[in-house]
Amino acid sequence: MLIDVSYFTAGPRQILNATLGKGTPKENAVIEQYISEYQEEFLCRVLGEDAGDAMQKYLEDLDCDPEADTDKDMDAVCSKLRKPFADYVFFYILRDSGQTATITGLVRLKVANQYVEPIVRQVSTWNRMVNSLNVFAEWVDSGECPVPGIVIDKYMLEPINRFNL
C-alpha cells in the first residue's frame, strides 16, 4: 500500500485510538480498509489511468513480495503522493464518521463525546491535499518527474469550501 496507519496516529489526521505497534485495534482495521478502498481511485485520478494502473500494480507486487526489486522512479512518485493520499483517505473517513448504514437507513452513532459536523475539517483536509497536489503538478511539469505520461484530474487540483462551491 502507498501508506499505512502511521499517517493517522498524530498530527492533523490523527484518529482517536489509531495506534502503531502490536495488536490491531478496530480503528486500525477500518483505516486500512479505507486505504485499500481508495488507493487505486486516487492513483488513477492523480496519475491518469495508465500510470495509475501501473503504480497500483507496482504497489500490489511489493505488498505480495516485500523483497521484490524496487523501481526508483516509481518510488520517487510514491514519496510525493503519500501525504496527499493520506489527506484523501482522511477526507472520506471524515465524511463517513458518526453514522453507519443499517437495512432501514443511516443511523447516527451513539458516542460519549458530543458529535460535531465534520465539514470544516473535511474542507481543510481537502484543501491541504490540493496544495500538496499542486506542488506535485509543478514537479511533473518541470520535467523532473521520472515517470512519463502523468495526467492529473483537474478536480483534484481545485480547492473547495464548506458549500462545495
N, C-alpha and C. Protein backbone atom coordinates (compact mmCIF):
# COMPACT_ATOMS: atom_id res chain seq x y z
N MET A 1 0.84 -1.18 0.00
CA MET A 1 0.00 0.00 0.00
C MET A 1 0.89 1.24 0.00
N LEU A 2 0.34 2.30 -0.53
CA LEU A 2 1.05 3.56 -0.61
C LEU A 2 1.33 4.14 0.77
N ILE A 3 0.37 4.01 1.69
CA ILE A 3 0.53 4.50 3.06
C ILE A 3 0.08 3.41 4.03
N ASP A 4 0.27 3.70 5.32
CA ASP A 4 -0.21 2.80 6.35
C ASP A 4 -0.88 3.62 7.45
N VAL A 5 -1.23 2.97 8.52
CA VAL A 5 -1.95 3.60 9.63
C VAL A 5 -1.13 4.70 10.29
N SER A 6 0.18 4.68 10.15
CA SER A 6 1.02 5.67 10.82
C SER A 6 0.67 7.11 10.44
N TYR A 7 0.07 7.32 9.30
CA TYR A 7 -0.33 8.66 8.87
C TYR A 7 -1.52 9.20 9.65
N PHE A 8 -2.12 8.34 10.48
CA PHE A 8 -3.34 8.71 11.21
C PHE A 8 -3.17 8.62 12.73
N THR A 9 -1.94 8.54 13.19
CA THR A 9 -1.70 8.38 14.62
C THR A 9 -1.32 9.69 15.32
N ALA A 10 -1.00 10.72 14.54
CA ALA A 10 -0.61 12.01 15.12
C ALA A 10 -0.80 13.10 14.07
N GLY A 11 -0.78 14.33 14.53
CA GLY A 11 -0.85 15.46 13.61
C GLY A 11 -2.26 15.76 13.14
N PRO A 12 -2.40 16.46 12.01
CA PRO A 12 -3.72 16.93 11.57
C PRO A 12 -4.68 15.82 11.15
N ARG A 13 -4.16 14.62 10.89
CA ARG A 13 -5.02 13.49 10.51
C ARG A 13 -5.21 12.50 11.64
N GLN A 14 -4.88 12.88 12.86
CA GLN A 14 -4.95 11.94 13.98
C GLN A 14 -6.36 11.42 14.19
N ILE A 15 -6.46 10.11 14.33
CA ILE A 15 -7.72 9.43 14.62
C ILE A 15 -7.58 8.78 15.99
N LEU A 16 -8.53 9.07 16.86
CA LEU A 16 -8.51 8.53 18.22
C LEU A 16 -8.39 7.01 18.18
N ASN A 17 -7.49 6.47 18.94
CA ASN A 17 -7.24 5.04 19.10
C ASN A 17 -6.53 4.38 17.92
N ALA A 18 -6.14 5.13 16.90
CA ALA A 18 -5.29 4.56 15.86
C ALA A 18 -3.89 4.44 16.46
N THR A 19 -3.29 3.27 16.35
CA THR A 19 -2.01 3.04 17.01
C THR A 19 -1.02 2.33 16.10
N LEU A 20 0.23 2.49 16.46
CA LEU A 20 1.30 1.70 15.85
C LEU A 20 1.70 0.65 16.85
N GLY A 21 2.25 -0.42 16.39
CA GLY A 21 2.73 -1.42 17.33
C GLY A 21 1.93 -2.68 17.29
N LYS A 22 2.02 -3.42 18.38
CA LYS A 22 1.40 -4.74 18.44
C LYS A 22 -0.12 -4.64 18.52
N GLY A 23 -0.75 -5.67 18.00
CA GLY A 23 -2.21 -5.71 18.02
C GLY A 23 -2.78 -4.88 16.89
N THR A 24 -3.99 -5.17 16.54
CA THR A 24 -4.67 -4.40 15.51
C THR A 24 -6.02 -3.98 16.05
N PRO A 25 -6.08 -2.79 16.65
CA PRO A 25 -7.37 -2.35 17.14
C PRO A 25 -8.36 -2.17 15.99
N LYS A 26 -9.60 -2.12 16.34
CA LYS A 26 -10.67 -1.96 15.35
C LYS A 26 -10.43 -0.74 14.47
N GLU A 27 -9.97 0.34 15.07
CA GLU A 27 -9.74 1.57 14.30
C GLU A 27 -8.69 1.35 13.20
N ASN A 28 -7.62 0.63 13.52
CA ASN A 28 -6.59 0.37 12.52
C ASN A 28 -7.15 -0.43 11.34
N ALA A 29 -7.97 -1.42 11.64
CA ALA A 29 -8.55 -2.24 10.58
C ALA A 29 -9.45 -1.40 9.68
N VAL A 30 -10.20 -0.50 10.26
CA VAL A 30 -11.08 0.38 9.48
C VAL A 30 -10.24 1.30 8.59
N ILE A 31 -9.20 1.88 9.15
CA ILE A 31 -8.32 2.77 8.38
C ILE A 31 -7.68 2.00 7.22
N GLU A 32 -7.20 0.81 7.48
CA GLU A 32 -6.59 0.01 6.42
C GLU A 32 -7.58 -0.30 5.30
N GLN A 33 -8.84 -0.51 5.67
CA GLN A 33 -9.87 -0.75 4.65
C GLN A 33 -10.08 0.49 3.79
N TYR A 34 -10.10 1.66 4.41
CA TYR A 34 -10.24 2.90 3.64
C TYR A 34 -9.05 3.08 2.70
N ILE A 35 -7.85 2.82 3.19
CA ILE A 35 -6.66 2.94 2.35
C ILE A 35 -6.79 2.02 1.14
N SER A 36 -7.14 0.78 1.40
CA SER A 36 -7.29 -0.20 0.33
C SER A 36 -8.39 0.20 -0.66
N GLU A 37 -9.49 0.70 -0.14
CA GLU A 37 -10.63 1.07 -0.97
C GLU A 37 -10.31 2.24 -1.91
N TYR A 38 -9.59 3.23 -1.43
CA TYR A 38 -9.42 4.47 -2.19
C TYR A 38 -8.08 4.59 -2.91
N GLN A 39 -7.14 3.68 -2.69
CA GLN A 39 -5.82 3.82 -3.30
C GLN A 39 -5.85 3.84 -4.83
N GLU A 40 -6.46 2.86 -5.43
CA GLU A 40 -6.45 2.80 -6.90
C GLU A 40 -7.18 3.99 -7.51
N GLU A 41 -8.31 4.36 -6.93
CA GLU A 41 -9.05 5.53 -7.41
C GLU A 41 -8.18 6.78 -7.36
N PHE A 42 -7.51 6.99 -6.24
CA PHE A 42 -6.63 8.16 -6.08
C PHE A 42 -5.52 8.14 -7.11
N LEU A 43 -4.84 7.01 -7.25
CA LEU A 43 -3.73 6.92 -8.19
C LEU A 43 -4.18 7.20 -9.62
N CYS A 44 -5.32 6.68 -10.01
CA CYS A 44 -5.80 6.92 -11.37
C CYS A 44 -6.24 8.37 -11.57
N ARG A 45 -6.77 9.00 -10.53
CA ARG A 45 -7.17 10.41 -10.65
C ARG A 45 -5.96 11.34 -10.65
N VAL A 46 -4.89 10.95 -9.97
CA VAL A 46 -3.72 11.82 -9.87
C VAL A 46 -2.68 11.53 -10.95
N LEU A 47 -2.61 10.30 -11.41
CA LEU A 47 -1.59 9.94 -12.39
C LEU A 47 -2.16 9.69 -13.79
N GLY A 48 -3.47 9.56 -13.90
CA GLY A 48 -4.08 9.14 -15.15
C GLY A 48 -4.27 7.63 -15.12
N GLU A 49 -5.13 7.13 -15.98
CA GLU A 49 -5.46 5.70 -15.95
C GLU A 49 -4.24 4.80 -16.15
N ASP A 50 -3.45 5.08 -17.18
CA ASP A 50 -2.33 4.19 -17.49
C ASP A 50 -1.28 4.19 -16.39
N ALA A 51 -0.80 5.37 -16.01
CA ALA A 51 0.22 5.46 -14.97
C ALA A 51 -0.35 5.03 -13.61
N GLY A 52 -1.62 5.34 -13.36
CA GLY A 52 -2.25 4.94 -12.11
C GLY A 52 -2.37 3.44 -11.98
N ASP A 53 -2.78 2.78 -13.06
CA ASP A 53 -2.86 1.31 -13.05
C ASP A 53 -1.49 0.68 -12.87
N ALA A 54 -0.48 1.25 -13.54
CA ALA A 54 0.89 0.72 -13.40
C ALA A 54 1.39 0.89 -11.97
N MET A 55 1.10 2.04 -11.36
CA MET A 55 1.53 2.27 -9.98
C MET A 55 0.81 1.32 -9.03
N GLN A 56 -0.49 1.12 -9.25
CA GLN A 56 -1.26 0.21 -8.40
C GLN A 56 -0.68 -1.21 -8.48
N LYS A 57 -0.36 -1.65 -9.69
CA LYS A 57 0.23 -2.99 -9.85
C LYS A 57 1.59 -3.06 -9.16
N TYR A 58 2.39 -2.03 -9.31
CA TYR A 58 3.70 -1.99 -8.66
C TYR A 58 3.56 -2.12 -7.14
N LEU A 59 2.64 -1.36 -6.55
CA LEU A 59 2.44 -1.40 -5.11
C LEU A 59 1.88 -2.75 -4.65
N GLU A 60 0.97 -3.33 -5.43
CA GLU A 60 0.43 -4.65 -5.09
C GLU A 60 1.53 -5.70 -5.13
N ASP A 61 2.41 -5.61 -6.13
CA ASP A 61 3.52 -6.56 -6.23
C ASP A 61 4.44 -6.44 -5.01
N LEU A 62 4.71 -5.21 -4.57
CA LEU A 62 5.54 -5.00 -3.38
C LEU A 62 4.85 -5.53 -2.13
N ASP A 63 3.52 -5.38 -2.05
CA ASP A 63 2.78 -5.90 -0.90
C ASP A 63 2.87 -7.42 -0.84
N CYS A 64 2.81 -8.06 -2.02
CA CYS A 64 2.87 -9.53 -2.07
C CYS A 64 4.27 -10.06 -1.79
N ASP A 65 5.28 -9.31 -2.23
CA ASP A 65 6.66 -9.75 -2.06
C ASP A 65 7.52 -8.56 -1.67
N PRO A 66 7.63 -8.28 -0.37
CA PRO A 66 8.43 -7.13 0.08
C PRO A 66 9.90 -7.17 -0.33
N GLU A 67 10.38 -8.34 -0.69
CA GLU A 67 11.78 -8.49 -1.11
C GLU A 67 11.95 -8.25 -2.62
N ALA A 68 10.85 -7.96 -3.33
CA ALA A 68 10.92 -7.73 -4.77
C ALA A 68 11.77 -6.49 -5.06
N ASP A 69 12.31 -6.46 -6.27
CA ASP A 69 13.11 -5.31 -6.68
C ASP A 69 12.23 -4.06 -6.73
N THR A 70 12.79 -2.96 -6.26
CA THR A 70 12.05 -1.71 -6.30
C THR A 70 12.46 -0.91 -7.52
N ASP A 71 11.58 -0.01 -7.91
CA ASP A 71 11.80 0.86 -9.05
C ASP A 71 11.98 2.28 -8.51
N LYS A 72 13.17 2.84 -8.66
CA LYS A 72 13.46 4.15 -8.05
C LYS A 72 12.57 5.25 -8.63
N ASP A 73 12.17 5.13 -9.90
CA ASP A 73 11.30 6.13 -10.50
C ASP A 73 9.90 6.08 -9.88
N MET A 74 9.37 4.88 -9.73
CA MET A 74 8.04 4.72 -9.11
C MET A 74 8.10 5.14 -7.64
N ASP A 75 9.19 4.80 -6.96
CA ASP A 75 9.34 5.18 -5.56
C ASP A 75 9.41 6.70 -5.40
N ALA A 76 10.03 7.38 -6.36
CA ALA A 76 10.10 8.84 -6.30
C ALA A 76 8.71 9.46 -6.38
N VAL A 77 7.87 8.92 -7.24
CA VAL A 77 6.49 9.40 -7.37
C VAL A 77 5.71 9.05 -6.10
N CYS A 78 5.88 7.84 -5.61
CA CYS A 78 5.20 7.43 -4.37
C CYS A 78 5.51 8.37 -3.22
N SER A 79 6.76 8.75 -3.09
CA SER A 79 7.14 9.61 -1.96
C SER A 79 6.46 10.96 -2.03
N LYS A 80 6.15 11.43 -3.23
CA LYS A 80 5.46 12.73 -3.39
C LYS A 80 3.95 12.60 -3.15
N LEU A 81 3.42 11.39 -3.25
CA LEU A 81 1.96 11.20 -3.16
C LEU A 81 1.46 10.70 -1.81
N ARG A 82 2.34 10.34 -0.92
CA ARG A 82 1.90 9.74 0.35
C ARG A 82 1.04 10.68 1.19
N LYS A 83 1.52 11.89 1.44
CA LYS A 83 0.76 12.82 2.27
C LYS A 83 -0.56 13.24 1.62
N PRO A 84 -0.56 13.59 0.33
CA PRO A 84 -1.86 13.92 -0.26
C PRO A 84 -2.84 12.75 -0.25
N PHE A 85 -2.31 11.53 -0.42
CA PHE A 85 -3.21 10.37 -0.36
C PHE A 85 -3.76 10.19 1.04
N ALA A 86 -2.93 10.40 2.05
CA ALA A 86 -3.42 10.31 3.43
C ALA A 86 -4.53 11.34 3.66
N ASP A 87 -4.40 12.54 3.12
CA ASP A 87 -5.46 13.53 3.24
C ASP A 87 -6.72 13.09 2.49
N TYR A 88 -6.55 12.49 1.33
CA TYR A 88 -7.68 11.98 0.54
C TYR A 88 -8.45 10.94 1.34
N VAL A 89 -7.73 10.01 1.94
CA VAL A 89 -8.35 8.97 2.76
C VAL A 89 -9.05 9.60 3.97
N PHE A 90 -8.37 10.52 4.63
CA PHE A 90 -8.93 11.16 5.82
C PHE A 90 -10.21 11.93 5.46
N PHE A 91 -10.24 12.57 4.30
CA PHE A 91 -11.44 13.27 3.83
C PHE A 91 -12.63 12.32 3.81
N TYR A 92 -12.43 11.11 3.29
CA TYR A 92 -13.52 10.14 3.21
C TYR A 92 -13.85 9.53 4.56
N ILE A 93 -12.86 9.36 5.40
CA ILE A 93 -13.15 8.88 6.75
C ILE A 93 -14.02 9.91 7.48
N LEU A 94 -13.68 11.18 7.36
CA LEU A 94 -14.49 12.24 7.98
C LEU A 94 -15.91 12.26 7.42
N ARG A 95 -16.03 12.05 6.13
CA ARG A 95 -17.36 12.04 5.51
C ARG A 95 -18.25 10.98 6.12
N ASP A 96 -17.67 9.83 6.40
CA ASP A 96 -18.45 8.70 6.89
C ASP A 96 -18.55 8.63 8.41
N SER A 97 -17.85 9.49 9.11
CA SER A 97 -17.82 9.40 10.57
C SER A 97 -19.16 9.77 11.19
N GLY A 98 -19.45 9.13 12.30
CA GLY A 98 -20.64 9.47 13.05
C GLY A 98 -21.92 8.82 12.57
N GLN A 99 -21.84 8.00 11.54
CA GLN A 99 -23.05 7.33 11.05
C GLN A 99 -22.69 5.95 10.53
N THR A 100 -23.69 5.11 10.51
CA THR A 100 -23.49 3.77 9.96
C THR A 100 -24.75 3.37 9.20
N ALA A 101 -24.58 2.50 8.24
CA ALA A 101 -25.72 2.06 7.44
C ALA A 101 -26.39 0.85 8.10
N THR A 102 -27.71 0.87 8.11
CA THR A 102 -28.50 -0.29 8.52
C THR A 102 -29.43 -0.62 7.38
N ILE A 103 -30.17 -1.69 7.49
CA ILE A 103 -31.09 -2.09 6.43
C ILE A 103 -32.21 -1.06 6.25
N THR A 104 -32.47 -0.28 7.28
CA THR A 104 -33.55 0.71 7.20
C THR A 104 -33.05 2.13 6.95
N GLY A 105 -31.74 2.31 6.81
CA GLY A 105 -31.21 3.64 6.51
C GLY A 105 -29.96 3.95 7.31
N LEU A 106 -29.56 5.23 7.26
CA LEU A 106 -28.38 5.67 8.00
C LEU A 106 -28.75 6.02 9.43
N VAL A 107 -27.89 5.65 10.35
CA VAL A 107 -28.13 5.89 11.77
C VAL A 107 -26.94 6.64 12.34
N ARG A 108 -27.21 7.67 13.15
CA ARG A 108 -26.14 8.37 13.84
C ARG A 108 -25.64 7.48 14.97
N LEU A 109 -24.31 7.34 15.05
CA LEU A 109 -23.72 6.51 16.09
C LEU A 109 -23.82 7.20 17.45
N LYS A 110 -24.03 6.40 18.47
CA LYS A 110 -24.06 6.92 19.83
C LYS A 110 -22.63 6.95 20.36
N VAL A 111 -22.23 8.11 20.88
CA VAL A 111 -20.89 8.24 21.43
C VAL A 111 -20.94 9.03 22.72
N ALA A 112 -19.93 8.84 23.54
CA ALA A 112 -19.86 9.57 24.80
C ALA A 112 -19.51 11.04 24.56
N ASN A 113 -18.76 11.30 23.50
CA ASN A 113 -18.38 12.67 23.18
C ASN A 113 -19.49 13.34 22.38
N GLN A 114 -19.51 14.65 22.40
CA GLN A 114 -20.53 15.39 21.63
C GLN A 114 -20.17 15.32 20.15
N TYR A 115 -21.16 15.09 19.31
CA TYR A 115 -20.96 14.99 17.88
C TYR A 115 -20.76 16.38 17.28
N VAL A 116 -19.79 16.50 16.37
CA VAL A 116 -19.50 17.76 15.69
C VAL A 116 -19.55 17.49 14.19
N GLU A 117 -20.16 18.38 13.45
CA GLU A 117 -20.20 18.23 11.99
C GLU A 117 -18.77 18.27 11.43
N PRO A 118 -18.43 17.34 10.56
CA PRO A 118 -17.05 17.25 10.08
C PRO A 118 -16.72 18.17 8.90
N ILE A 119 -17.66 18.97 8.42
CA ILE A 119 -17.47 19.70 7.17
C ILE A 119 -16.26 20.64 7.20
N VAL A 120 -16.07 21.37 8.28
CA VAL A 120 -14.94 22.30 8.33
C VAL A 120 -13.63 21.53 8.23
N ARG A 121 -13.54 20.43 8.93
CA ARG A 121 -12.33 19.61 8.89
C ARG A 121 -12.16 18.97 7.51
N GLN A 122 -13.26 18.56 6.88
CA GLN A 122 -13.17 17.99 5.54
C GLN A 122 -12.62 19.02 4.56
N VAL A 123 -13.13 20.24 4.64
CA VAL A 123 -12.69 21.29 3.73
C VAL A 123 -11.20 21.55 3.90
N SER A 124 -10.75 21.69 5.14
CA SER A 124 -9.32 21.96 5.36
C SER A 124 -8.47 20.77 4.91
N THR A 125 -8.96 19.57 5.11
CA THR A 125 -8.22 18.37 4.68
C THR A 125 -8.12 18.31 3.16
N TRP A 126 -9.25 18.52 2.48
CA TRP A 126 -9.24 18.50 1.01
C TRP A 126 -8.30 19.58 0.48
N ASN A 127 -8.38 20.78 1.03
CA ASN A 127 -7.56 21.88 0.54
C ASN A 127 -6.07 21.67 0.83
N ARG A 128 -5.74 21.01 1.93
CA ARG A 128 -4.35 20.64 2.20
C ARG A 128 -3.87 19.65 1.14
N MET A 129 -4.73 18.70 0.77
CA MET A 129 -4.39 17.74 -0.28
C MET A 129 -4.18 18.48 -1.61
N VAL A 130 -5.07 19.41 -1.92
CA VAL A 130 -4.96 20.18 -3.17
C VAL A 130 -3.63 20.93 -3.21
N ASN A 131 -3.25 21.56 -2.11
CA ASN A 131 -1.98 22.29 -2.08
C ASN A 131 -0.82 21.35 -2.36
N SER A 132 -0.83 20.18 -1.76
CA SER A 132 0.24 19.19 -1.99
C SER A 132 0.24 18.72 -3.44
N LEU A 133 -0.95 18.50 -4.00
CA LEU A 133 -1.02 18.03 -5.38
C LEU A 133 -0.64 19.11 -6.38
N ASN A 134 -0.86 20.36 -6.05
CA ASN A 134 -0.39 21.45 -6.92
C ASN A 134 1.13 21.49 -6.95
N VAL A 135 1.77 21.25 -5.81
CA VAL A 135 3.23 21.13 -5.78
C VAL A 135 3.67 19.93 -6.61
N PHE A 136 2.95 18.81 -6.49
CA PHE A 136 3.25 17.62 -7.29
C PHE A 136 3.10 17.93 -8.78
N ALA A 137 2.04 18.65 -9.17
CA ALA A 137 1.81 19.01 -10.57
C ALA A 137 2.95 19.88 -11.11
N GLU A 138 3.43 20.79 -10.28
CA GLU A 138 4.57 21.63 -10.70
C GLU A 138 5.80 20.76 -10.92
N TRP A 139 6.01 19.78 -10.05
CA TRP A 139 7.15 18.85 -10.19
C TRP A 139 7.02 18.06 -11.49
N VAL A 140 5.82 17.57 -11.77
CA VAL A 140 5.59 16.82 -13.01
C VAL A 140 5.86 17.71 -14.22
N ASP A 141 5.34 18.94 -14.20
CA ASP A 141 5.50 19.85 -15.33
C ASP A 141 6.94 20.34 -15.51
N SER A 142 7.72 20.30 -14.43
CA SER A 142 9.11 20.78 -14.50
C SER A 142 10.01 19.85 -15.31
N GLY A 143 9.54 18.63 -15.53
CA GLY A 143 10.36 17.66 -16.24
C GLY A 143 11.23 16.83 -15.32
N GLU A 144 11.19 17.11 -14.01
CA GLU A 144 12.00 16.36 -13.05
C GLU A 144 11.36 15.01 -12.70
N CYS A 145 10.06 14.87 -12.96
CA CYS A 145 9.37 13.62 -12.65
C CYS A 145 9.85 12.53 -13.60
N PRO A 146 10.33 11.41 -13.06
CA PRO A 146 10.89 10.36 -13.90
C PRO A 146 9.85 9.44 -14.57
N VAL A 147 8.59 9.59 -14.20
CA VAL A 147 7.54 8.73 -14.77
C VAL A 147 6.78 9.54 -15.84
N PRO A 148 6.82 9.08 -17.08
CA PRO A 148 6.15 9.82 -18.15
C PRO A 148 4.65 9.55 -18.19
N GLY A 149 3.93 10.42 -18.86
CA GLY A 149 2.52 10.19 -19.14
C GLY A 149 1.56 10.48 -18.00
N ILE A 150 1.98 11.26 -17.02
CA ILE A 150 1.10 11.57 -15.89
C ILE A 150 0.10 12.64 -16.31
N VAL A 151 -1.18 12.34 -16.05
CA VAL A 151 -2.27 13.27 -16.37
C VAL A 151 -3.12 13.41 -15.12
N ILE A 152 -3.11 14.60 -14.52
CA ILE A 152 -3.80 14.83 -13.26
C ILE A 152 -5.21 15.34 -13.53
N ASP A 153 -6.19 14.71 -12.91
CA ASP A 153 -7.59 15.13 -12.99
C ASP A 153 -7.68 16.54 -12.43
N LYS A 154 -8.23 17.47 -13.20
CA LYS A 154 -8.26 18.89 -12.79
C LYS A 154 -9.04 19.10 -11.50
N TYR A 155 -9.99 18.24 -11.19
CA TYR A 155 -10.78 18.39 -9.97
C TYR A 155 -9.96 18.09 -8.72
N MET A 156 -8.88 17.34 -8.89
CA MET A 156 -8.00 17.04 -7.75
C MET A 156 -7.13 18.25 -7.38
N LEU A 157 -7.13 19.26 -8.24
CA LEU A 157 -6.32 20.46 -8.01
C LEU A 157 -7.15 21.67 -7.62
N GLU A 158 -8.45 21.46 -7.42
CA GLU A 158 -9.35 22.57 -7.09
C GLU A 158 -9.74 22.55 -5.62
N PRO A 159 -9.51 23.66 -4.93
CA PRO A 159 -9.94 23.73 -3.53
C PRO A 159 -11.46 23.79 -3.43
N ILE A 160 -11.99 23.47 -2.26
CA ILE A 160 -13.43 23.53 -2.02
C ILE A 160 -13.69 24.44 -0.84
N ASN A 161 -14.96 24.76 -0.65
CA ASN A 161 -15.37 25.47 0.57
C ASN A 161 -16.49 24.68 1.21
N ARG A 162 -16.97 25.13 2.33
CA ARG A 162 -17.97 24.35 3.07
C ARG A 162 -19.31 24.24 2.34
N PHE A 163 -19.49 25.03 1.28
CA PHE A 163 -20.72 24.95 0.49
C PHE A 163 -20.52 24.12 -0.77
N ASN A 164 -19.34 23.51 -0.91
CA ASN A 164 -18.96 22.69 -2.06
C ASN A 164 -19.04 23.48 -3.36
N LEU A 165 -18.64 24.74 -3.29
CA LEU A 165 -18.60 25.60 -4.48
C LEU A 165 -17.18 25.90 -4.87
